Amino acid sequence: MPLDIDIEVLEGETLMAAARRIALRWPSVCNGQGNCTACYVKVEEGMDNAGTAHPQERERLNFAGRRDLSYRLACQLKVSGPMRVSKNGVKLPGP
């Protein structure tokens, strides 16, 4: 959301890697290293299908003011089933 598109996340792949694989432009400054928090998403549904957040991920999110456990870094988020997330700033591939 808000683009209302489906992204298939492969086993062992992060949400951001899956989005980039299909050419979505996903906000990031650190290029998926888990440092900048620009890629954060809010899990709206399917939190049970989110892998466990590492302590470093929680620390970065807390530092950025995203203390609610429904916030995750897309560059660290591994998905095991259906999930709906919100992320502003994601862009469809350009021409």
Protein backbone atom coordinates (compact mmCIF):
# COMPACT_ATOMS: atom_id res chain seq x y z
CA MET A 1 0.00 0.00 0.00
CA PRO A 2 -0.61 2.65 -1.21
CA LEU A 3 0.35 1.30 -4.67
CA ASP A 4 -1.88 -1.77 -4.11
CA ILE A 5 0.50 -4.18 -5.84
CA ASP A 6 1.50 -7.73 -5.00
CA ILE A 7 5.14 -8.67 -4.52
CA GLU A 8 6.21 -12.29 -4.41
CA VAL A 9 8.99 -12.66 -1.85
CA LEU A 10 11.14 -15.73 -2.45
CA GLU A 11 12.40 -17.93 0.38
CA GLY A 12 15.32 -16.24 2.12
CA GLU A 13 14.73 -12.94 0.29
CA THR A 14 13.91 -9.66 2.01
CA LEU A 15 10.91 -7.57 1.07
CA MET A 16 13.11 -4.81 -0.32
CA ALA A 17 15.18 -7.25 -2.40
CA ALA A 18 11.96 -8.73 -3.83
CA ALA A 19 10.65 -5.26 -4.69
CA ARG A 20 13.89 -4.32 -6.40
CA ARG A 21 13.94 -7.64 -8.27
CA ILE A 22 10.70 -6.56 -9.99
CA ALA A 23 12.17 -3.09 -10.64
CA LEU A 24 10.27 -1.13 -7.99
CA ARG A 25 12.19 1.89 -6.77
CA TRP A 26 12.31 1.48 -2.97
CA PRO A 27 13.58 4.31 -0.74
CA SER A 28 16.95 3.56 0.83
CA VAL A 29 20.10 5.47 1.66
CA CYS A 30 22.27 2.59 2.92
CA ASN A 31 21.30 0.27 0.05
CA GLY A 32 19.81 -2.42 2.28
CA GLN A 33 22.40 -2.56 5.05
CA GLY A 34 19.86 -1.88 7.83
CA ASN A 35 21.43 1.42 8.88
CA CYS A 36 19.40 4.30 7.46
CA THR A 37 15.77 3.26 8.25
CA ALA A 38 14.55 4.93 5.02
CA CYS A 39 13.10 1.60 3.85
CA TYR A 40 10.85 1.05 6.89
CA VAL A 41 7.35 -0.33 6.37
CA LYS A 42 4.31 -0.63 8.61
CA VAL A 43 2.91 -4.15 8.65
CA GLU A 44 -0.86 -3.70 8.37
CA GLU A 45 -1.80 -7.40 8.21
CA GLY A 46 0.07 -10.69 8.50
CA MET A 47 2.57 -9.86 11.24
CA ASP A 48 2.64 -13.59 12.06
CA ASN A 49 4.31 -14.08 8.66
CA ALA A 50 7.19 -11.72 9.46
CA GLY A 51 10.47 -13.19 10.55
CA THR A 52 11.82 -12.11 13.91
CA ALA A 53 13.43 -8.68 13.99
CA HIS A 54 17.09 -8.74 15.02
CA PRO A 55 18.02 -6.53 17.99
CA GLN A 56 19.98 -4.19 15.68
CA GLU A 57 16.87 -3.66 13.53
CA ARG A 58 14.76 -2.79 16.58
CA GLU A 59 17.50 -0.46 17.82
CA ARG A 60 17.60 1.45 14.50
CA LEU A 61 13.79 1.67 14.36
CA ASN A 62 13.59 2.86 17.98
CA PHE A 63 16.26 5.49 17.27
CA ALA A 64 14.15 6.69 14.31
CA GLY A 65 11.05 6.96 16.52
CA ARG A 66 9.36 3.85 15.08
CA ARG A 67 8.88 2.03 18.38
CA ASP A 68 5.64 0.23 17.47
CA LEU A 69 6.50 -3.42 16.71
CA SER A 70 4.48 -3.24 13.48
CA TYR A 71 7.29 -1.15 11.94
CA ARG A 72 10.01 -3.15 10.22
CA LEU A 73 12.92 -2.44 7.91
CA ALA A 74 12.07 -3.78 4.45
CA CYS A 75 15.76 -4.55 3.88
CA GLN A 76 15.69 -6.93 6.85
CA LEU A 77 12.12 -8.25 6.65
CA LYS A 78 11.83 -11.86 5.53
CA VAL A 79 8.28 -12.98 4.79
CA SER A 80 6.86 -16.48 5.24
CA GLY A 81 3.28 -15.90 4.07
CA PRO A 82 0.70 -13.29 3.06
CA MET A 83 1.26 -9.83 4.45
CA ARG A 84 0.06 -6.30 3.73
CA VAL A 85 2.41 -3.40 4.34
CA SER A 86 2.26 0.36 3.92
CA LYS A 87 5.20 2.27 2.48
CA ASN A 88 5.11 5.74 0.96
CA GLY A 89 7.73 6.66 -1.61
CA VAL A 90 7.86 3.36 -3.52
CA LYS A 91 7.75 4.05 -7.25
CA LEU A 92 6.80 1.86 -10.19
CA PRO A 93 9.47 1.29 -12.83
CA GLY A 94 9.87 4.23 -15.17
CA PRO A 95 9.80 4.09 -18.96
